[in-house]
């Protein structure tokens, strides 16, 4: 039963509290009399739970009424002389005083606890409302930013087709394209963050060329790696032969997030390598870098939403969180190993599926990473 509000009662609420106090006291009297006929216990024992129930269900007014009714019931039914409300001895007066004092203390603490729970529920409700509003604003802003960013990327790609040679225009275009692609990835992460955990997330399974998937995921990073003097090692052609059943766009997004992170934290003259291996139970992707690495504590938080490590770099704190959610939506698992100064390795395995399974794959439920 949900506790009632502890605010001052209306007339109807007051009558309800009186009825509740009377019912609880009557139940305690009946139970005490039933037990008394078998083995005479202390008559006070069953009235303490009655006060606790009254305080929790009805608040301090109901509890105070229950204390008063319980004292009258004790005098009339249990304390000699019965059928009278006269206190016959000092011991009875002391017992009644102790009962009254302890009951009122219990009422005080339970009422405070109930009010604290009510405040906590209200704070949680407000936090959920604020979070929903924040996600809505993020989604709207990110969506509105995505269109002009797409235009910038498209325009720079058109301009890049012109032959500038070593002229400064070529370098400027390359910088604009890199920055716009990075901004678009951040916007895409924000959009996905607003979707994940709130609505059913569309995972469109289909059979696709593994080689084309890997090429489309890694091709945008080759000029970025070259500009930073980072060696980007691509998978062997034999490793990416054949097809893979998955949501092609989402797995490209996972690989883009992982490779983008590796390039971000790998210094000049470092190496980022991508391996693809056929396993008996699926296809395993591994992204390894020679970057700064992570401490054990950072590794424990790496997949948390909006978490940023201590190493220099800029990002939304959403990339790894989203990558894990997308891998788990495919039935796989994304794992990381790292050590300070020794780089980081990200590995995920996509279970093997047949084309028939792709056609029957249902829409994925709301995505919440298991370790987020």
Protein backbone atom coordinates (compact mmCIF):
# COMPACT_ATOMS: atom_id res chain seq x y z
CA UNK A 1 0.00 0.00 0.00
CA UNK A 2 1.34 3.40 -1.00
CA UNK A 3 1.93 5.81 1.94
CA UNK A 4 -0.44 8.74 2.01
CA UNK A 5 0.78 12.31 1.84
CA UNK A 6 1.85 13.86 5.14
CA UNK A 7 0.30 17.26 4.33
CA UNK A 8 -2.51 18.66 6.48
CA UNK A 9 -5.66 16.60 5.77
CA UNK A 10 -9.01 17.71 4.40
CA UNK A 11 -12.21 16.70 6.21
CA UNK A 12 -12.62 13.58 4.06
CA UNK A 13 -8.97 12.67 4.51
CA UNK A 14 -9.25 13.17 8.28
CA UNK A 15 -12.25 10.82 8.44
CA UNK A 16 -10.32 8.28 6.37
CA UNK A 17 -7.40 8.48 8.78
CA UNK A 18 -9.70 8.04 11.77
CA UNK A 19 -11.26 4.97 10.16
CA UNK A 20 -7.83 3.56 9.37
CA UNK A 21 -6.64 4.12 12.95
CA UNK A 22 -9.77 2.44 14.33
CA UNK A 23 -9.44 -0.54 11.95
CA UNK A 24 -5.76 -1.09 12.76
CA UNK A 25 -6.40 -0.85 16.52
CA UNK A 26 -9.37 -3.22 16.29
CA UNK A 27 -7.23 -5.73 14.40
CA UNK A 28 -4.52 -5.49 17.07
CA UNK A 29 -7.12 -5.98 19.85
CA UNK A 30 -8.62 -9.01 18.12
CA UNK A 31 -5.24 -10.62 17.51
CA UNK A 32 -4.07 -9.90 21.07
CA UNK A 33 -7.24 -11.42 22.55
CA UNK A 34 -6.85 -14.51 20.38
CA UNK A 35 -3.26 -14.98 21.54
CA UNK A 36 -4.15 -14.11 25.14
CA UNK A 37 -6.57 -17.04 25.31
CA UNK A 38 -3.72 -19.44 24.49
CA UNK A 39 -0.62 -18.01 26.19
CA UNK A 40 -0.89 -14.64 27.95
CA UNK A 41 1.82 -12.45 26.37
CA UNK A 42 2.56 -8.85 27.15
CA UNK A 43 -0.56 -7.06 25.84
CA UNK A 44 1.59 -4.19 24.53
CA UNK A 45 3.53 -6.27 21.97
CA UNK A 46 0.96 -6.33 19.18
CA UNK A 47 0.11 -2.64 19.49
CA UNK A 48 3.60 -1.49 18.44
CA UNK A 49 3.20 -3.00 14.94
CA UNK A 50 -0.23 -1.37 14.78
CA UNK A 51 1.35 2.04 15.40
CA UNK A 52 4.06 1.36 12.81
CA UNK A 53 1.48 0.43 10.16
CA UNK A 54 -0.63 3.46 10.99
CA UNK A 55 2.37 5.79 10.76
CA UNK A 56 3.49 4.35 7.43
CA UNK A 57 0.09 4.14 5.76
CA UNK A 58 -1.69 7.14 7.21
CA UNK A 59 0.91 9.56 8.53
CA UNK A 60 1.36 11.15 11.92
CA UNK A 61 -2.35 11.95 12.51
CA UNK A 62 -3.39 8.34 11.92
CA UNK A 63 -0.53 7.13 14.12
CA UNK A 64 -1.43 9.54 16.95
CA UNK A 65 -5.05 8.37 16.83
CA UNK A 66 -3.87 4.76 16.84
CA UNK A 67 -1.71 5.41 19.93
CA UNK A 68 -4.66 6.97 21.77
CA UNK A 69 -7.07 4.19 20.78
CA UNK A 70 -4.48 1.53 21.65
CA UNK A 71 -4.02 2.97 25.15
CA UNK A 72 -7.80 2.96 25.69
CA UNK A 73 -8.02 -0.62 24.38
CA UNK A 74 -5.19 -1.75 26.66
CA UNK A 75 -6.92 -0.24 29.69
CA UNK A 76 -10.35 -1.61 28.81
CA UNK A 77 -9.50 -5.12 27.60
CA UNK A 78 -6.17 -6.15 29.10
CA UNK A 79 -5.03 -4.17 32.16
CA UNK A 80 -6.82 -4.89 35.43
CA UNK A 81 -9.48 -4.01 36.27
CA UNK A 82 -10.88 -4.86 32.82
CA UNK A 83 -14.00 -3.19 31.39
CA UNK A 84 -12.67 0.06 32.77
CA UNK A 85 -10.35 2.81 31.56
CA UNK A 86 -9.00 3.55 35.01
CA UNK A 87 -5.23 3.20 35.61
CA UNK A 88 -5.10 0.98 38.68
CA UNK A 89 -1.37 0.87 39.45
CA UNK A 90 1.84 2.82 39.04
CA UNK A 91 3.29 -0.06 37.00
CA UNK A 92 0.44 0.18 34.51
CA UNK A 93 0.91 3.95 34.35
CA UNK A 94 4.65 3.48 33.67
CA UNK A 95 3.98 0.82 30.99
CA UNK A 96 1.44 3.05 29.28
CA UNK A 97 3.83 6.01 29.41
CA UNK A 98 6.63 3.94 27.87
CA UNK A 99 4.26 2.65 25.18
CA UNK A 100 3.11 6.18 24.38
CA UNK A 101 6.66 7.59 24.26
CA UNK A 102 8.12 4.80 22.13
CA UNK A 103 5.13 4.87 19.78
CA UNK A 104 5.43 8.61 19.24
CA UNK A 105 9.17 8.27 18.58
CA UNK A 106 8.48 5.53 16.04
CA UNK A 107 5.86 7.75 14.43
CA UNK A 108 8.30 10.66 14.24
CA UNK A 109 11.07 8.64 12.58
CA UNK A 110 8.74 6.78 10.21
CA UNK A 111 7.07 10.03 9.16
CA UNK A 112 10.44 11.61 8.42
CA UNK A 113 11.48 8.53 6.47
CA UNK A 114 8.24 8.60 4.48
CA UNK A 115 8.66 12.29 3.68
CA UNK A 116 12.25 11.65 2.58
CA UNK A 117 11.03 8.89 0.26
CA UNK A 118 8.37 11.20 -1.16
CA UNK A 119 11.01 13.87 -1.81
CA UNK A 120 13.28 11.27 -3.42
CA UNK A 121 10.46 10.09 -5.70
CA UNK A 122 9.67 13.66 -6.68
CA UNK A 123 13.35 14.40 -7.33
CA UNK A 124 13.58 11.27 -9.49
CA UNK A 125 10.48 12.29 -11.43
CA UNK A 126 11.87 15.78 -12.02
CA UNK A 127 15.25 14.33 -13.04
CA UNK A 128 13.58 11.98 -15.54
CA UNK A 129 11.53 14.87 -16.94
CA UNK A 130 14.62 17.06 -17.24
CA UNK A 131 16.58 14.24 -18.87
CA UNK A 132 13.80 13.65 -21.40
CA UNK A 133 13.71 17.37 -22.20
CA UNK A 134 17.51 17.42 -22.56
CA UNK A 135 17.45 14.44 -24.91
CA UNK A 136 14.74 16.11 -27.00
CA UNK A 137 16.72 19.34 -27.26
CA UNK A 138 19.89 17.43 -28.14
CA UNK A 139 18.09 15.47 -30.83
CA UNK A 140 16.55 18.60 -32.37
CA UNK A 141 19.81 20.57 -32.28
CA UNK A 142 21.85 17.67 -33.63
CA UNK A 143 19.34 17.05 -36.41
CA UNK A 144 19.40 20.72 -37.41
CA UNK A 145 23.21 20.73 -37.40
CA UNK A 146 23.48 17.59 -39.48
CA UNK A 147 22.06 19.09 -42.68
CA UNK A 148 24.52 22.01 -42.97
CA UNK A 149 27.38 19.68 -42.06
CA UNK A 150 26.35 17.34 -44.85
CA UNK A 151 26.44 20.30 -47.22
CA UNK A 152 29.94 21.27 -46.05
CA UNK A 153 31.23 17.71 -46.50
CA UNK A 154 29.67 17.43 -49.95
CA UNK A 155 31.03 20.82 -51.05
CA UNK A 156 34.57 20.05 -49.91
CA UNK A 157 34.45 16.69 -51.71
CA UNK A 158 33.44 18.47 -54.92
CA UNK A 159 36.19 21.06 -54.52
CA UNK A 160 38.74 18.34 -53.75
CA UNK A 161 38.21 16.94 -57.24
CA UNK A 162 39.95 20.00 -58.65
CA UNK A 163 43.72 19.73 -59.01
CA UNK A 164 45.45 22.11 -56.64
CA UNK A 165 48.78 20.32 -56.35
CA UNK A 166 50.76 21.73 -53.45
CA UNK A 167 48.90 25.02 -53.38
CA UNK A 168 47.60 26.17 -49.95
CA UNK A 169 44.01 25.63 -51.10
CA UNK A 170 44.55 21.87 -51.08
CA UNK A 171 45.70 21.87 -47.45
CA UNK A 172 42.83 24.12 -46.40
CA UNK A 173 40.29 21.86 -48.10
CA UNK A 174 41.77 18.80 -46.40
CA UNK A 175 41.51 20.49 -43.01
CA UNK A 176 37.92 21.59 -43.66
CA UNK A 177 36.95 18.08 -44.72
CA UNK A 178 38.59 16.43 -41.69
CA UNK A 179 36.94 18.85 -39.28
CA UNK A 180 33.53 18.57 -40.93
CA UNK A 181 33.69 14.76 -40.91
CA UNK A 182 34.63 14.80 -37.24
CA UNK A 183 31.81 17.23 -36.45
CA UNK A 184 29.37 15.02 -38.35
CA UNK A 185 30.44 11.99 -36.33
CA UNK A 186 29.88 13.92 -33.11
CA UNK A 187 26.42 14.99 -34.29
CA UNK A 188 25.59 11.41 -35.27
CA UNK A 189 26.67 10.24 -31.82
CA UNK A 190 24.41 12.80 -30.16
CA UNK A 191 21.47 11.70 -32.32
CA UNK A 192 22.08 8.05 -31.47
CA UNK A 193 22.47 8.90 -27.80
CA UNK A 194 19.01 10.48 -27.85
CA UNK A 195 17.57 7.32 -29.43
CA UNK A 196 19.34 4.67 -27.38
CA UNK A 197 17.39 3.56 -24.32
CA UNK A 198 14.32 5.63 -25.20
CA UNK A 199 12.75 3.96 -28.25
CA UNK A 200 13.04 0.70 -30.16
CA UNK A 201 16.28 1.05 -32.09
CA UNK A 202 16.13 -0.09 -35.73
CA UNK A 203 18.67 -2.82 -36.53
CA UNK A 204 18.26 -3.74 -40.20
CA UNK A 205 19.99 -7.08 -40.72
CA UNK A 206 21.08 -7.99 -44.24
CA UNK A 207 23.83 -9.90 -46.01
CA UNK A 208 26.63 -7.61 -47.19
CA UNK A 209 30.15 -7.83 -48.56
CA UNK A 210 32.61 -7.86 -45.67
CA UNK A 211 35.33 -6.30 -47.83
CA UNK A 212 33.09 -3.40 -48.88
CA UNK A 213 31.96 -2.84 -45.29
CA UNK A 214 35.53 -2.60 -44.00
CA UNK A 215 36.62 -0.41 -46.92
CA UNK A 216 33.73 2.04 -46.42
CA UNK A 217 34.45 2.22 -42.69
CA UNK A 218 38.20 2.81 -43.00
CA UNK A 219 38.58 4.81 -46.22
CA UNK A 220 37.73 8.19 -44.61
CA UNK A 221 40.50 7.68 -42.05
CA UNK A 222 43.37 7.04 -44.47
CA UNK A 223 43.96 10.74 -45.31
CA UNK A 224 43.54 11.64 -41.63
CA UNK A 225 46.15 9.06 -40.60
CA UNK A 226 48.48 10.22 -43.37
CA UNK A 227 48.20 13.85 -42.33
CA UNK A 228 49.17 12.87 -38.78
CA UNK A 229 52.00 10.55 -39.87
CA UNK A 230 50.18 7.59 -38.32
CA UNK A 231 50.46 4.20 -40.01
CA UNK A 232 46.99 2.74 -40.59
CA UNK A 233 47.26 -1.04 -41.12
CA UNK A 234 44.29 -2.49 -43.00
CA UNK A 235 43.05 -6.11 -42.87
CA UNK A 236 44.37 -8.64 -45.38
CA UNK A 237 42.18 -9.18 -48.43
CA UNK A 238 41.80 -12.88 -47.55
CA UNK A 239 40.47 -11.99 -44.09
CA UNK A 240 37.59 -9.92 -45.47
CA UNK A 241 36.50 -12.33 -48.19
CA UNK A 242 32.90 -13.44 -48.19
CA UNK A 243 29.81 -11.89 -46.68
CA UNK A 244 28.51 -10.92 -43.25
CA UNK A 245 24.94 -10.70 -41.96
CA UNK A 246 24.56 -7.52 -39.92
CA UNK A 247 23.27 -3.96 -40.00
CA UNK A 248 25.91 -2.66 -42.38
CA UNK A 249 25.59 1.03 -41.51
CA UNK A 250 25.71 0.34 -37.77
CA UNK A 251 28.82 -1.84 -37.94
CA UNK A 252 30.50 0.82 -40.09
CA UNK A 253 29.58 3.25 -37.32
CA UNK A 254 31.13 0.97 -34.69
CA UNK A 255 34.38 0.63 -36.65
CA UNK A 256 34.44 4.38 -37.32
CA UNK A 257 34.07 5.15 -33.62
CA UNK A 258 36.82 2.71 -32.64
CA UNK A 259 39.29 3.75 -35.35
CA UNK A 260 38.52 7.44 -34.78
CA UNK A 261 39.26 7.03 -31.07
CA UNK A 262 42.51 5.22 -31.79
CA UNK A 263 43.70 7.93 -34.19
CA UNK A 264 42.74 10.60 -31.68
CA UNK A 265 44.93 9.16 -28.92
CA UNK A 266 47.83 7.87 -31.04
CA UNK A 267 50.85 10.21 -31.40
CA UNK A 268 52.69 10.96 -34.63
CA UNK A 269 54.61 8.02 -36.11
CA UNK A 270 52.35 5.64 -34.21
CA UNK A 271 50.34 2.73 -35.60
CA UNK A 272 46.65 1.87 -35.72
CA UNK A 273 45.89 -1.60 -37.05
CA UNK A 274 42.56 -3.22 -37.90
CA UNK A 275 42.25 -7.01 -38.05
CA UNK A 276 39.32 -9.15 -39.16
CA UNK A 277 39.25 -12.87 -38.37
CA UNK A 278 36.76 -15.61 -39.15
CA UNK A 279 35.97 -17.59 -36.02
CA UNK A 280 33.86 -20.74 -35.64
CA UNK A 281 31.11 -18.71 -33.97
CA UNK A 282 31.35 -15.47 -35.95
CA UNK A 283 33.53 -12.67 -37.28
CA UNK A 284 35.93 -10.93 -34.90
CA UNK A 285 37.08 -7.33 -35.40
CA UNK A 286 40.12 -5.98 -33.55
CA UNK A 287 41.36 -2.38 -33.50
CA UNK A 288 44.80 -1.90 -31.90
CA UNK A 289 46.77 1.30 -31.45
CA UNK A 290 50.11 2.38 -30.00
CA UNK A 291 48.60 5.36 -28.22
CA UNK A 292 48.82 6.55 -24.65
CA UNK A 293 46.69 3.70 -23.28
CA UNK A 294 44.41 3.73 -20.26
CA UNK A 295 44.78 2.99 -16.58
CA UNK A 296 42.71 0.23 -14.98
CA UNK A 297 40.38 2.84 -13.51
CA UNK A 298 39.92 4.55 -16.89
CA UNK A 299 39.29 1.18 -18.52
CA UNK A 300 36.54 0.46 -16.00
CA UNK A 301 34.75 3.65 -17.06
CA UNK A 302 35.62 3.68 -20.78
CA UNK A 303 32.19 2.50 -21.94
CA UNK A 304 30.17 4.78 -19.67
CA UNK A 305 28.00 7.44 -21.21
CA UNK A 306 29.54 10.94 -21.35
CA UNK A 307 32.73 9.75 -19.64
CA UNK A 308 36.00 11.45 -20.58
CA UNK A 309 39.43 10.11 -19.71
CA UNK A 310 42.32 12.07 -18.30
CA UNK A 311 44.32 12.00 -21.52
CA UNK A 312 44.26 15.02 -23.81
CA UNK A 313 41.69 14.97 -26.57
CA UNK A 314 38.21 16.13 -27.40
CA UNK A 315 35.05 14.15 -27.91
CA UNK A 316 31.44 13.78 -26.85
CA UNK A 317 32.09 10.88 -24.47
CA UNK A 318 29.47 8.89 -26.40
CA UNK A 319 31.42 6.99 -29.06
CA UNK A 320 32.41 3.89 -27.07
CA UNK A 321 29.08 3.82 -25.23
CA UNK A 322 27.20 3.79 -28.54
CA UNK A 323 29.61 1.27 -30.08
CA UNK A 324 29.01 -1.19 -27.25
CA UNK A 325 25.24 -0.72 -27.50
CA UNK A 326 25.28 -1.41 -31.25
CA UNK A 327 27.48 -4.50 -30.87
CA UNK A 328 25.24 -5.86 -28.11
CA UNK A 329 22.18 -5.23 -30.29
CA UNK A 330 23.77 -7.66 -32.78
CA UNK A 331 24.23 -10.24 -30.03
CA UNK A 332 27.95 -9.57 -29.71
CA UNK A 333 30.22 -8.12 -27.07
CA UNK A 334 32.74 -5.27 -27.20
CA UNK A 335 35.77 -5.59 -24.91
CA UNK A 336 38.88 -3.51 -24.29
CA UNK A 337 42.38 -4.18 -22.99
CA UNK A 338 44.86 -1.41 -22.28
CA UNK A 339 47.76 -0.23 -20.16
CA UNK A 340 49.38 3.20 -19.76
CA UNK A 341 51.96 3.77 -22.50
CA UNK A 342 51.16 0.46 -24.21
CA UNK A 343 48.19 1.39 -26.34
CA UNK A 344 44.66 0.02 -26.42
CA UNK A 345 43.00 -2.95 -28.10
CA UNK A 346 39.26 -3.03 -28.81
CA UNK A 347 37.72 -6.35 -29.83
CA UNK A 348 34.18 -7.34 -30.75
CA UNK A 349 32.71 -10.53 -32.16
CA UNK A 350 29.59 -10.59 -34.35
CA UNK A 351 27.79 -13.96 -34.20
CA UNK A 352 27.51 -15.88 -37.45
CA UNK A 353 24.04 -15.62 -39.01
CA UNK A 354 22.50 -17.03 -42.15
CA UNK A 355 20.68 -14.84 -44.70
CA UNK A 356 17.40 -16.47 -43.61
CA UNK A 357 18.01 -15.26 -40.05
CA UNK A 358 18.55 -11.75 -41.38
CA UNK A 359 15.08 -11.74 -42.94
CA UNK A 360 13.48 -12.93 -39.69
CA UNK A 361 15.42 -10.61 -37.36
CA UNK A 362 12.97 -8.51 -35.28
CA UNK A 363 13.36 -4.85 -34.43
CA UNK A 364 15.79 -4.45 -31.58
CA UNK A 365 14.49 -3.32 -28.18
CA UNK A 366 15.65 -0.07 -26.57
CA UNK A 367 19.43 -0.20 -26.41
CA UNK A 368 21.05 0.12 -23.01
CA UNK A 369 24.62 -1.20 -22.86
CA UNK A 370 24.88 -3.96 -20.28
CA UNK A 371 27.90 -2.38 -18.62
CA UNK A 372 26.97 1.24 -19.07
